[in-house]
Amino acid sequence: MLTVDTTNMCSHLQKKLFEVDGIYYPIWQAMQADPELTAVVRSRQLHIYRNGKKVLVLAGKSAPKIIREDPICELLH
């Protein structure tokens, strides 16, 4: 199970990611089921990696940034 240190995570992002009705909640669920994914909080945003390569950055108030095509990015649509 993936754990993330939320100490420096934007509160808006926490709501979107961890609450069942949050728009990023499906991404959080997919991250829990995929052992190739890791995540780190940097600058209050969540940086998501697959096998060490950054694929997605989620922020609380700005739009998500797709860094490279990945199945997890499909959940944004």
N, C-alpha and C. Protein backbone atom coordinates (compact mmCIF):
# COMPACT_ATOMS: atom_id res chain seq x y z
N MET A 1 0.84 -1.19 0.00
CA MET A 1 0.00 0.00 0.00
C MET A 1 0.88 1.24 0.00
N LEU A 2 0.56 2.16 -0.87
CA LEU A 2 1.31 3.40 -1.01
C LEU A 2 0.92 4.37 0.09
N THR A 3 1.91 4.97 0.73
CA THR A 3 1.65 6.02 1.72
C THR A 3 2.35 7.29 1.27
N VAL A 4 1.76 8.42 1.62
CA VAL A 4 2.29 9.71 1.22
C VAL A 4 2.34 10.60 2.46
N ASP A 5 3.45 11.29 2.65
CA ASP A 5 3.57 12.25 3.74
C ASP A 5 2.80 13.51 3.36
N THR A 6 1.69 13.75 4.03
CA THR A 6 0.82 14.87 3.67
C THR A 6 1.16 16.15 4.43
N THR A 7 2.24 16.15 5.19
CA THR A 7 2.61 17.31 6.02
C THR A 7 2.64 18.60 5.20
N ASN A 8 3.25 18.55 4.04
CA ASN A 8 3.40 19.76 3.22
C ASN A 8 2.49 19.76 1.99
N MET A 9 1.44 18.95 2.01
CA MET A 9 0.53 18.89 0.87
C MET A 9 -0.56 19.95 1.02
N CYS A 10 -0.88 20.60 -0.06
CA CYS A 10 -1.95 21.59 -0.10
C CYS A 10 -3.26 20.97 0.38
N SER A 11 -3.98 21.69 1.24
CA SER A 11 -5.23 21.14 1.79
C SER A 11 -6.27 20.89 0.70
N HIS A 12 -6.29 21.72 -0.33
CA HIS A 12 -7.23 21.50 -1.44
C HIS A 12 -6.92 20.18 -2.14
N LEU A 13 -5.63 19.91 -2.32
CA LEU A 13 -5.22 18.67 -2.97
C LEU A 13 -5.58 17.47 -2.10
N GLN A 14 -5.40 17.59 -0.80
CA GLN A 14 -5.75 16.49 0.09
C GLN A 14 -7.23 16.13 -0.05
N LYS A 15 -8.09 17.14 -0.12
CA LYS A 15 -9.53 16.88 -0.28
C LYS A 15 -9.82 16.21 -1.61
N LYS A 16 -9.21 16.71 -2.68
CA LYS A 16 -9.46 16.14 -4.01
C LYS A 16 -8.95 14.71 -4.13
N LEU A 17 -7.89 14.38 -3.40
CA LEU A 17 -7.23 13.09 -3.53
C LEU A 17 -7.77 12.03 -2.58
N PHE A 18 -8.04 12.41 -1.35
CA PHE A 18 -8.36 11.42 -0.32
C PHE A 18 -9.85 11.28 0.01
N GLU A 19 -10.67 12.28 -0.33
CA GLU A 19 -12.09 12.16 -0.03
C GLU A 19 -12.79 11.43 -1.17
N VAL A 20 -13.74 10.57 -0.81
CA VAL A 20 -14.41 9.69 -1.78
C VAL A 20 -15.01 10.47 -2.95
N ASP A 21 -15.52 11.67 -2.71
CA ASP A 21 -16.13 12.45 -3.79
C ASP A 21 -15.13 13.40 -4.46
N GLY A 22 -13.85 13.30 -4.13
CA GLY A 22 -12.83 14.15 -4.73
C GLY A 22 -12.53 13.74 -6.16
N ILE A 23 -12.18 14.73 -6.99
CA ILE A 23 -11.96 14.43 -8.41
C ILE A 23 -10.72 13.57 -8.66
N TYR A 24 -9.75 13.57 -7.74
CA TYR A 24 -8.55 12.75 -7.91
C TYR A 24 -8.64 11.43 -7.14
N TYR A 25 -9.73 11.18 -6.47
CA TYR A 25 -9.86 9.95 -5.67
C TYR A 25 -9.65 8.68 -6.52
N PRO A 26 -10.20 8.60 -7.75
CA PRO A 26 -9.93 7.41 -8.57
C PRO A 26 -8.43 7.21 -8.84
N ILE A 27 -7.68 8.30 -8.94
CA ILE A 27 -6.24 8.19 -9.15
C ILE A 27 -5.60 7.61 -7.89
N TRP A 28 -6.03 8.08 -6.71
CA TRP A 28 -5.49 7.56 -5.46
C TRP A 28 -5.76 6.06 -5.34
N GLN A 29 -6.97 5.64 -5.70
CA GLN A 29 -7.31 4.21 -5.64
C GLN A 29 -6.42 3.41 -6.60
N ALA A 30 -6.22 3.92 -7.81
CA ALA A 30 -5.39 3.23 -8.80
C ALA A 30 -3.95 3.14 -8.31
N MET A 31 -3.47 4.19 -7.65
CA MET A 31 -2.10 4.19 -7.13
C MET A 31 -1.93 3.10 -6.07
N GLN A 32 -2.96 2.86 -5.28
CA GLN A 32 -2.88 1.84 -4.24
C GLN A 32 -2.75 0.44 -4.83
N ALA A 33 -3.31 0.25 -6.01
CA ALA A 33 -3.34 -1.07 -6.63
C ALA A 33 -2.17 -1.32 -7.58
N ASP A 34 -1.35 -0.30 -7.84
CA ASP A 34 -0.29 -0.43 -8.84
C ASP A 34 1.09 -0.31 -8.17
N PRO A 35 1.80 -1.42 -8.01
CA PRO A 35 3.10 -1.38 -7.31
C PRO A 35 4.19 -0.63 -8.08
N GLU A 36 3.97 -0.32 -9.35
CA GLU A 36 4.97 0.41 -10.13
C GLU A 36 4.92 1.91 -9.85
N LEU A 37 3.85 2.38 -9.20
CA LEU A 37 3.67 3.81 -8.96
C LEU A 37 4.19 4.20 -7.58
N THR A 38 4.87 5.34 -7.54
CA THR A 38 5.29 5.96 -6.29
C THR A 38 4.91 7.43 -6.36
N ALA A 39 4.92 8.10 -5.21
CA ALA A 39 4.54 9.51 -5.19
C ALA A 39 5.29 10.23 -4.09
N VAL A 40 5.57 11.51 -4.35
CA VAL A 40 6.28 12.37 -3.41
C VAL A 40 5.61 13.73 -3.42
N VAL A 41 5.51 14.36 -2.24
CA VAL A 41 4.98 15.72 -2.15
C VAL A 41 6.15 16.68 -2.29
N ARG A 42 6.05 17.57 -3.27
CA ARG A 42 7.05 18.62 -3.48
C ARG A 42 6.30 19.91 -3.78
N SER A 43 6.69 20.98 -3.15
CA SER A 43 6.06 22.29 -3.36
C SER A 43 4.54 22.21 -3.23
N ARG A 44 4.09 21.44 -2.24
CA ARG A 44 2.67 21.28 -1.90
C ARG A 44 1.88 20.50 -2.96
N GLN A 45 2.57 19.99 -4.00
CA GLN A 45 1.94 19.22 -5.06
C GLN A 45 2.35 17.76 -4.94
N LEU A 46 1.56 16.88 -5.58
CA LEU A 46 1.86 15.45 -5.57
C LEU A 46 2.48 15.07 -6.91
N HIS A 47 3.73 14.61 -6.86
CA HIS A 47 4.44 14.17 -8.05
C HIS A 47 4.36 12.65 -8.09
N ILE A 48 3.80 12.12 -9.18
CA ILE A 48 3.57 10.69 -9.32
C ILE A 48 4.56 10.11 -10.33
N TYR A 49 5.19 9.00 -9.95
CA TYR A 49 6.22 8.35 -10.76
C TYR A 49 5.83 6.91 -11.06
N ARG A 50 6.21 6.45 -12.25
CA ARG A 50 6.10 5.03 -12.60
C ARG A 50 7.51 4.54 -12.88
N ASN A 51 7.95 3.55 -12.11
CA ASN A 51 9.30 3.00 -12.26
C ASN A 51 10.37 4.10 -12.27
N GLY A 52 10.20 5.11 -11.41
CA GLY A 52 11.20 6.16 -11.27
C GLY A 52 11.09 7.30 -12.26
N LYS A 53 10.16 7.23 -13.20
CA LYS A 53 9.99 8.30 -14.19
C LYS A 53 8.70 9.07 -13.91
N LYS A 54 8.82 10.39 -13.81
CA LYS A 54 7.66 11.22 -13.49
C LYS A 54 6.62 11.14 -14.61
N VAL A 55 5.36 10.92 -14.21
CA VAL A 55 4.29 10.85 -15.20
C VAL A 55 3.22 11.92 -15.00
N LEU A 56 3.04 12.40 -13.76
CA LEU A 56 1.92 13.28 -13.49
C LEU A 56 2.21 14.13 -12.25
N VAL A 57 1.74 15.40 -12.28
CA VAL A 57 1.82 16.27 -11.12
C VAL A 57 0.42 16.78 -10.83
N LEU A 58 -0.04 16.54 -9.59
CA LEU A 58 -1.36 17.01 -9.17
C LEU A 58 -1.19 18.17 -8.20
N ALA A 59 -1.97 19.22 -8.42
CA ALA A 59 -1.95 20.38 -7.54
C ALA A 59 -3.35 20.63 -7.02
N GLY A 60 -3.45 21.39 -5.95
CA GLY A 60 -4.75 21.64 -5.34
C GLY A 60 -5.62 22.58 -6.13
N LYS A 61 -5.05 23.69 -6.61
CA LYS A 61 -5.87 24.70 -7.27
C LYS A 61 -5.59 24.86 -8.76
N SER A 62 -4.47 24.35 -9.24
CA SER A 62 -4.19 24.46 -10.68
C SER A 62 -4.43 23.13 -11.37
N ALA A 63 -4.44 23.18 -12.68
CA ALA A 63 -4.73 21.98 -13.47
C ALA A 63 -3.61 20.95 -13.32
N PRO A 64 -3.95 19.67 -13.42
CA PRO A 64 -2.91 18.63 -13.36
C PRO A 64 -1.97 18.75 -14.55
N LYS A 65 -0.71 18.40 -14.35
CA LYS A 65 0.28 18.46 -15.43
C LYS A 65 0.67 17.04 -15.80
N ILE A 66 0.35 16.66 -17.03
CA ILE A 66 0.75 15.34 -17.53
C ILE A 66 2.17 15.48 -18.08
N ILE A 67 3.09 14.74 -17.50
CA ILE A 67 4.49 14.81 -17.91
C ILE A 67 4.75 13.84 -19.05
N ARG A 68 4.20 12.62 -18.94
CA ARG A 68 4.32 11.65 -20.04
C ARG A 68 3.08 10.78 -20.03
N GLU A 69 2.78 10.23 -21.18
CA GLU A 69 1.59 9.39 -21.32
C GLU A 69 1.71 8.17 -20.42
N ASP A 70 0.65 7.88 -19.69
CA ASP A 70 0.65 6.77 -18.76
C ASP A 70 -0.81 6.38 -18.50
N PRO A 71 -1.07 5.12 -18.21
CA PRO A 71 -2.45 4.72 -17.94
C PRO A 71 -3.11 5.50 -16.80
N ILE A 72 -2.35 5.94 -15.81
CA ILE A 72 -2.95 6.68 -14.69
C ILE A 72 -3.51 8.02 -15.16
N CYS A 73 -2.92 8.59 -16.21
CA CYS A 73 -3.39 9.87 -16.74
C CYS A 73 -4.78 9.76 -17.37
N GLU A 74 -5.14 8.55 -17.81
CA GLU A 74 -6.47 8.32 -18.40
C GLU A 74 -7.58 8.62 -17.39
N LEU A 75 -7.27 8.50 -16.10
CA LEU A 75 -8.28 8.73 -15.07
C LEU A 75 -8.64 10.19 -14.89
N LEU A 76 -7.89 11.08 -15.52
CA LEU A 76 -8.19 12.51 -15.44
C LEU A 76 -9.35 12.91 -16.32
N HIS A 77 -9.70 12.07 -17.30
CA HIS A 77 -10.73 12.44 -18.28
C HIS A 77 -12.09 11.96 -17.87
